[in-house]
Amino acid sequence: MLDFGSQYAQLIARRVREQQVYCQIVRHDITAERVRELAPKGLILSGGPASVYEPDAPRC
């Protein structure tokens, strides 16, 4: 799980682990090389503290 500052990162990780799935929380600024070394089967992006409803929120 890439932690972008979510207050629920630990809770999300615990729920994933309860399903017998290995889950590791890492900082959001981890390098792509390090992610490749870890060879994850999937990624969870935890949210940051900013609201997506704010006028200046990032847009895709």
PDB file of N, CA and C in Angstrom:
ATOM      1  N   MET A   1       0.845  -1.156   0.000  1.00  0.00           N
ATOM      2  CA  MET A   1       0.000   0.000   0.000  1.00  0.00           C
ATOM      3  C   MET A   1       0.901   1.232   0.000  1.00  0.00           C
ATOM      4  N   LEU A   2       0.642   2.140  -0.938  1.00  0.00           N
ATOM      5  CA  LEU A   2       1.362   3.407  -0.978  1.00  0.00           C
ATOM      6  C   LEU A   2       0.599   4.389  -0.102  1.00  0.00           C
ATOM      7  N   ASP A   3       1.241   4.854   0.953  1.00  0.00           N
ATOM      8  CA  ASP A   3       0.586   5.719   1.931  1.00  0.00           C
ATOM      9  C   ASP A   3       0.785   7.186   1.562  1.00  0.00           C
ATOM     10  N   PHE A   4      -0.290   7.829   1.143  1.00  0.00           N
ATOM     11  CA  PHE A   4      -0.272   9.245   0.804  1.00  0.00           C
ATOM     12  C   PHE A   4      -0.776  10.101   1.957  1.00  0.00           C
ATOM     13  N   GLY A   5      -0.792   9.546   3.159  1.00  0.00           N
ATOM     14  CA  GLY A   5      -1.188  10.302   4.333  1.00  0.00           C
ATOM     15  C   GLY A   5      -2.578   9.995   4.842  1.00  0.00           C
ATOM     16  N   SER A   6      -3.156   8.923   4.386  1.00  0.00           N
ATOM     17  CA  SER A   6      -4.501   8.556   4.821  1.00  0.00           C
ATOM     18  C   SER A   6      -4.512   8.220   6.301  1.00  0.00           C
ATOM     19  N   GLN A   7      -5.515   8.721   6.997  1.00  0.00           N
ATOM     20  CA  GLN A   7      -5.649   8.381   8.407  1.00  0.00           C
ATOM     21  C   GLN A   7      -6.138   6.941   8.581  1.00  0.00           C
ATOM     22  N   TYR A   8      -6.546   6.307   7.492  1.00  0.00           N
ATOM     23  CA  TYR A   8      -7.071   4.947   7.551  1.00  0.00           C
ATOM     24  C   TYR A   8      -6.121   3.895   6.995  1.00  0.00           C
ATOM     25  N   ALA A   9      -4.890   4.257   6.699  1.00  0.00           N
ATOM     26  CA  ALA A   9      -3.952   3.310   6.084  1.00  0.00           C
ATOM     27  C   ALA A   9      -3.784   2.047   6.929  1.00  0.00           C
ATOM     28  N   GLN A  10      -3.604   2.211   8.226  1.00  0.00           N
ATOM     29  CA  GLN A  10      -3.419   1.044   9.099  1.00  0.00           C
ATOM     30  C   GLN A  10      -4.674   0.178   9.135  1.00  0.00           C
ATOM     31  N   LEU A  11      -5.822   0.813   9.172  1.00  0.00           N
ATOM     32  CA  LEU A  11      -7.088   0.076   9.190  1.00  0.00           C
ATOM     33  C   LEU A  11      -7.286  -0.702   7.889  1.00  0.00           C
ATOM     34  N   ILE A  12      -7.005  -0.063   6.768  1.00  0.00           N
ATOM     35  CA  ILE A  12      -7.136  -0.739   5.473  1.00  0.00           C
ATOM     36  C   ILE A  12      -6.196  -1.940   5.415  1.00  0.00           C
ATOM     37  N   ALA A  13      -4.949  -1.740   5.838  1.00  0.00           N
ATOM     38  CA  ALA A  13      -3.971  -2.830   5.822  1.00  0.00           C
ATOM     39  C   ALA A  13      -4.432  -3.982   6.712  1.00  0.00           C
ATOM     40  N   ARG A  14      -4.974  -3.663   7.869  1.00  0.00           N
ATOM     41  CA  ARG A  14      -5.458  -4.713   8.771  1.00  0.00           C
ATOM     42  C   ARG A  14      -6.592  -5.506   8.120  1.00  0.00           C
ATOM     43  N   ARG A  15      -7.510  -4.811   7.458  1.00  0.00           N
ATOM     44  CA  ARG A  15      -8.629  -5.500   6.797  1.00  0.00           C
ATOM     45  C   ARG A  15      -8.125  -6.405   5.665  1.00  0.00           C
ATOM     46  N   VAL A  16      -7.132  -5.941   4.934  1.00  0.00           N
ATOM     47  CA  VAL A  16      -6.543  -6.766   3.870  1.00  0.00           C
ATOM     48  C   VAL A  16      -5.899  -8.005   4.487  1.00  0.00           C
ATOM     49  N   ARG A  17      -5.148  -7.815   5.562  1.00  0.00           N
ATOM     50  CA  ARG A  17      -4.469  -8.940   6.225  1.00  0.00           C
ATOM     51  C   ARG A  17      -5.465  -9.934   6.809  1.00  0.00           C
ATOM     52  N   GLU A  18      -6.603  -9.443   7.261  1.00  0.00           N
ATOM     53  CA  GLU A  18      -7.644 -10.337   7.787  1.00  0.00           C
ATOM     54  C   GLU A  18      -8.151 -11.296   6.713  1.00  0.00           C
ATOM     55  N   GLN A  19      -7.955 -10.939   5.460  1.00  0.00           N
ATOM     56  CA  GLN A  19      -8.341 -11.801   4.340  1.00  0.00           C
ATOM     57  C   GLN A  19      -7.190 -12.722   3.923  1.00  0.00           C
ATOM     58  N   GLN A  20      -6.180 -12.820   4.803  1.00  0.00           N
ATOM     59  CA  GLN A  20      -5.015 -13.683   4.576  1.00  0.00           C
ATOM     60  C   GLN A  20      -4.199 -13.231   3.369  1.00  0.00           C
ATOM     61  N   VAL A  21      -4.137 -11.925   3.161  1.00  0.00           N
ATOM     62  CA  VAL A  21      -3.354 -11.341   2.073  1.00  0.00           C
ATOM     63  C   VAL A  21      -2.233 -10.520   2.692  1.00  0.00           C
ATOM     64  N   TYR A  22      -1.000 -10.769   2.246  1.00  0.00           N
ATOM     65  CA  TYR A  22       0.131  -9.995   2.745  1.00  0.00           C
ATOM     66  C   TYR A  22      -0.026  -8.547   2.306  1.00  0.00           C
ATOM     67  N   CYS A  23       0.166  -7.625   3.223  1.00  0.00           N
ATOM     68  CA  CYS A  23       0.041  -6.202   2.911  1.00  0.00           C
ATOM     69  C   CYS A  23       1.149  -5.437   3.615  1.00  0.00           C
ATOM     70  N   GLN A  24       1.890  -4.670   2.862  1.00  0.00           N
ATOM     71  CA  GLN A  24       2.977  -3.858   3.394  1.00  0.00           C
ATOM     72  C   GLN A  24       2.679  -2.402   3.082  1.00  0.00           C
ATOM     73  N   ILE A  25       2.791  -1.546   4.091  1.00  0.00           N
ATOM     74  CA  ILE A  25       2.585  -0.111   3.891  1.00  0.00           C
ATOM     75  C   ILE A  25       3.944   0.532   3.640  1.00  0.00           C
ATOM     76  N   VAL A  26       4.036   1.291   2.550  1.00  0.00           N
ATOM     77  CA  VAL A  26       5.276   2.000   2.224  1.00  0.00           C
ATOM     78  C   VAL A  26       4.958   3.469   1.964  1.00  0.00           C
ATOM     79  N   ARG A  27       5.965   4.289   2.082  1.00  0.00           N
ATOM     80  CA  ARG A  27       5.791   5.724   1.841  1.00  0.00           C
ATOM     81  C   ARG A  27       5.437   5.985   0.380  1.00  0.00           C
ATOM     82  N   HIS A  28       4.713   7.058   0.153  1.00  0.00           N
ATOM     83  CA  HIS A  28       4.284   7.395  -1.209  1.00  0.00           C
ATOM     84  C   HIS A  28       5.447   7.768  -2.122  1.00  0.00           C
ATOM     85  N   ASP A  29       6.575   8.156  -1.548  1.00  0.00           N
ATOM     86  CA  ASP A  29       7.712   8.574  -2.371  1.00  0.00           C
ATOM     87  C   ASP A  29       8.708   7.439  -2.636  1.00  0.00           C
ATOM     88  N   ILE A  30       8.269   6.206  -2.493  1.00  0.00           N
ATOM     89  CA  ILE A  30       9.113   5.051  -2.796  1.00  0.00           C
ATOM     90  C   ILE A  30       9.501   5.110  -4.281  1.00  0.00           C
ATOM     91  N   THR A  31      10.683   4.663  -4.604  1.00  0.00           N
ATOM     92  CA  THR A  31      11.119   4.702  -6.001  1.00  0.00           C
ATOM     93  C   THR A  31      10.472   3.569  -6.795  1.00  0.00           C
ATOM     94  N   ALA A  32      10.348   3.785  -8.089  1.00  0.00           N
ATOM     95  CA  ALA A  32       9.800   2.754  -8.972  1.00  0.00           C
ATOM     96  C   ALA A  32      10.685   1.511  -8.933  1.00  0.00           C
ATOM     97  N   GLU A  33      11.985   1.727  -8.823  1.00  0.00           N
ATOM     98  CA  GLU A  33      12.915   0.599  -8.752  1.00  0.00           C
ATOM     99  C   GLU A  33      12.621  -0.267  -7.527  1.00  0.00           C
ATOM    100  N   ARG A  34      12.385   0.379  -6.397  1.00  0.00           N
ATOM    101  CA  ARG A  34      12.091  -0.371  -5.165  1.00  0.00           C
ATOM    102  C   ARG A  34      10.759  -1.121  -5.285  1.00  0.00           C
ATOM    103  N   VAL A  35       9.773  -0.503  -5.912  1.00  0.00           N
ATOM    104  CA  VAL A  35       8.486  -1.180  -6.115  1.00  0.00           C
ATOM    105  C   VAL A  35       8.708  -2.434  -6.956  1.00  0.00           C
ATOM    106  N   ARG A  36       9.511  -2.328  -8.012  1.00  0.00           N
ATOM    107  CA  ARG A  36       9.808  -3.498  -8.852  1.00  0.00           C
ATOM    108  C   ARG A  36      10.497  -4.594  -8.041  1.00  0.00           C
ATOM    109  N   GLU A  37      11.409  -4.199  -7.142  1.00  0.00           N
ATOM    110  CA  GLU A  37      12.104  -5.178  -6.302  1.00  0.00           C
ATOM    111  C   GLU A  37      11.122  -5.919  -5.394  1.00  0.00           C
ATOM    112  N   LEU A  38      10.133  -5.205  -4.884  1.00  0.00           N
ATOM    113  CA  LEU A  38       9.138  -5.824  -4.004  1.00  0.00           C
ATOM    114  C   LEU A  38       8.192  -6.738  -4.774  1.00  0.00           C
ATOM    115  N   ALA A  39       8.064  -6.506  -6.071  1.00  0.00           N
ATOM    116  CA  ALA A  39       7.242  -7.326  -6.972  1.00  0.00           C
ATOM    117  C   ALA A  39       5.829  -7.561  -6.434  1.00  0.00           C
ATOM    118  N   PRO A  40       5.082  -6.489  -6.196  1.00  0.00           N
ATOM    119  CA  PRO A  40       3.731  -6.668  -5.650  1.00  0.00           C
ATOM    120  C   PRO A  40       2.774  -7.268  -6.681  1.00  0.00           C
ATOM    121  N   LYS A  41       1.787  -7.975  -6.190  1.00  0.00           N
ATOM    122  CA  LYS A  41       0.725  -8.503  -7.062  1.00  0.00           C
ATOM    123  C   LYS A  41      -0.279  -7.404  -7.372  1.00  0.00           C
ATOM    124  N   GLY A  42      -0.319  -6.383  -6.531  1.00  0.00           N
ATOM    125  CA  GLY A  42      -1.240  -5.266  -6.719  1.00  0.00           C
ATOM    126  C   GLY A  42      -0.828  -4.103  -5.836  1.00  0.00           C
ATOM    127  N   LEU A  43      -1.419  -2.957  -6.079  1.00  0.00           N
ATOM    128  CA  LEU A  43      -1.128  -1.758  -5.291  1.00  0.00           C
ATOM    129  C   LEU A  43      -2.428  -1.161  -4.774  1.00  0.00           C
ATOM    130  N   ILE A  44      -2.369  -0.668  -3.551  1.00  0.00           N
ATOM    131  CA  ILE A  44      -3.467   0.099  -2.979  1.00  0.00           C
ATOM    132  C   ILE A  44      -2.910   1.489  -2.736  1.00  0.00           C
ATOM    133  N   LEU A  45      -3.594   2.496  -3.231  1.00  0.00           N
ATOM    134  CA  LEU A  45      -3.178   3.879  -3.020  1.00  0.00           C
ATOM    135  C   LEU A  45      -4.061   4.468  -1.935  1.00  0.00           C
ATOM    136  N   SER A  46      -3.460   4.756  -0.778  1.00  0.00           N
ATOM    137  CA  SER A  46      -4.256   5.352   0.296  1.00  0.00           C
ATOM    138  C   SER A  46      -4.350   6.848   0.057  1.00  0.00           C
ATOM    139  N   GLY A  47      -5.473   7.426   0.409  1.00  0.00           N
ATOM    140  CA  GLY A  47      -5.699   8.846   0.162  1.00  0.00           C
ATOM    141  C   GLY A  47      -4.882   9.752   1.047  1.00  0.00           C
ATOM    142  N   GLY A  48      -4.794  11.002   0.639  1.00  0.00           N
ATOM    143  CA  GLY A  48      -4.128  12.012   1.435  1.00  0.00           C
ATOM    144  C   GLY A  48      -5.133  12.777   2.273  1.00  0.00           C
ATOM    145  N   PRO A  49      -4.664  13.752   3.033  1.00  0.00           N
ATOM    146  CA  PRO A  49      -5.549  14.494   3.926  1.00  0.00           C
ATOM    147  C   PRO A  49      -6.426  15.530   3.223  1.00  0.00           C
ATOM    148  N   ALA A  50      -6.133  15.860   1.976  1.00  0.00           N
ATOM    149  CA  ALA A  50      -6.904  16.884   1.260  1.00  0.00           C
ATOM    150  C   ALA A  50      -8.212  16.297   0.727  1.00  0.00           C
ATOM    151  N   SER A  51      -9.221  17.112   0.653  1.00  0.00           N
ATOM    152  CA  SER A  51     -10.516  16.677   0.146  1.00  0.00           C
ATOM    153  C   SER A  51     -10.540  16.730  -1.375  1.00  0.00           C
ATOM    154  N   VAL A  52     -11.110  15.710  -1.986  1.00  0.00           N
ATOM    155  CA  VAL A  52     -11.236  15.698  -3.444  1.00  0.00           C
ATOM    156  C   VAL A  52     -12.295  16.690  -3.904  1.00  0.00           C
ATOM    157  N   TYR A  53     -13.057  17.223  -2.976  1.00  0.00           N
ATOM    158  CA  TYR A  53     -14.115  18.173  -3.315  1.00  0.00           C
ATOM    159  C   TYR A  53     -13.647  19.627  -3.274  1.00  0.00           C
ATOM    160  N   GLU A  54     -12.406  19.867  -2.874  1.00  0.00           N
ATOM    161  CA  GLU A  54     -11.873  21.226  -2.845  1.00  0.00           C
ATOM    162  C   GLU A  54     -11.698  21.732  -4.275  1.00  0.00           C
ATOM    163  N   PRO A  55     -11.913  23.029  -4.510  1.00  0.00           N
ATOM    164  CA  PRO A  55     -11.789  23.588  -5.869  1.00  0.00           C
ATOM    165  C   PRO A  55     -10.409  23.372  -6.497  1.00  0.00           C
ATOM    166  N   ASP A  56      -9.346  23.355  -5.681  1.00  0.00           N
ATOM    167  CA  ASP A  56      -7.990  23.207  -6.225  1.00  0.00           C
ATOM    168  C   ASP A  56      -7.470  21.769  -6.120  1.00  0.00           C
ATOM    169  N   ALA A  57      -8.357  20.800  -5.935  1.00  0.00           N
ATOM    170  CA  ALA A  57      -7.945  19.398  -5.839  1.00  0.00           C
ATOM    171  C   ALA A  57      -7.392  18.924  -7.186  1.00  0.00           C
ATOM    172  N   PRO A  58      -6.403  18.016  -7.153  1.00  0.00           N
ATOM    173  CA  PRO A  58      -5.863  17.483  -8.411  1.00  0.00           C
ATOM    174  C   PRO A  58      -6.951  16.805  -9.235  1.00  0.00           C
ATOM    175  N   ARG A  59      -6.848  16.925 -10.544  1.00  0.00           N
ATOM    176  CA  ARG A  59      -7.819  16.302 -11.446  1.00  0.00           C
ATOM    177  C   ARG A  59      -7.082  15.361 -12.391  1.00  0.00           C
ATOM    178  N   CYS A  60      -7.750  14.313 -12.786  1.00  0.00           N
ATOM    179  CA  CYS A  60      -7.164  13.348 -13.731  1.00  0.00           C
ATOM    180  C   CYS A  60      -7.500  13.745 -15.147  1.00  0.00           C
TER     181      CYS A  60
END
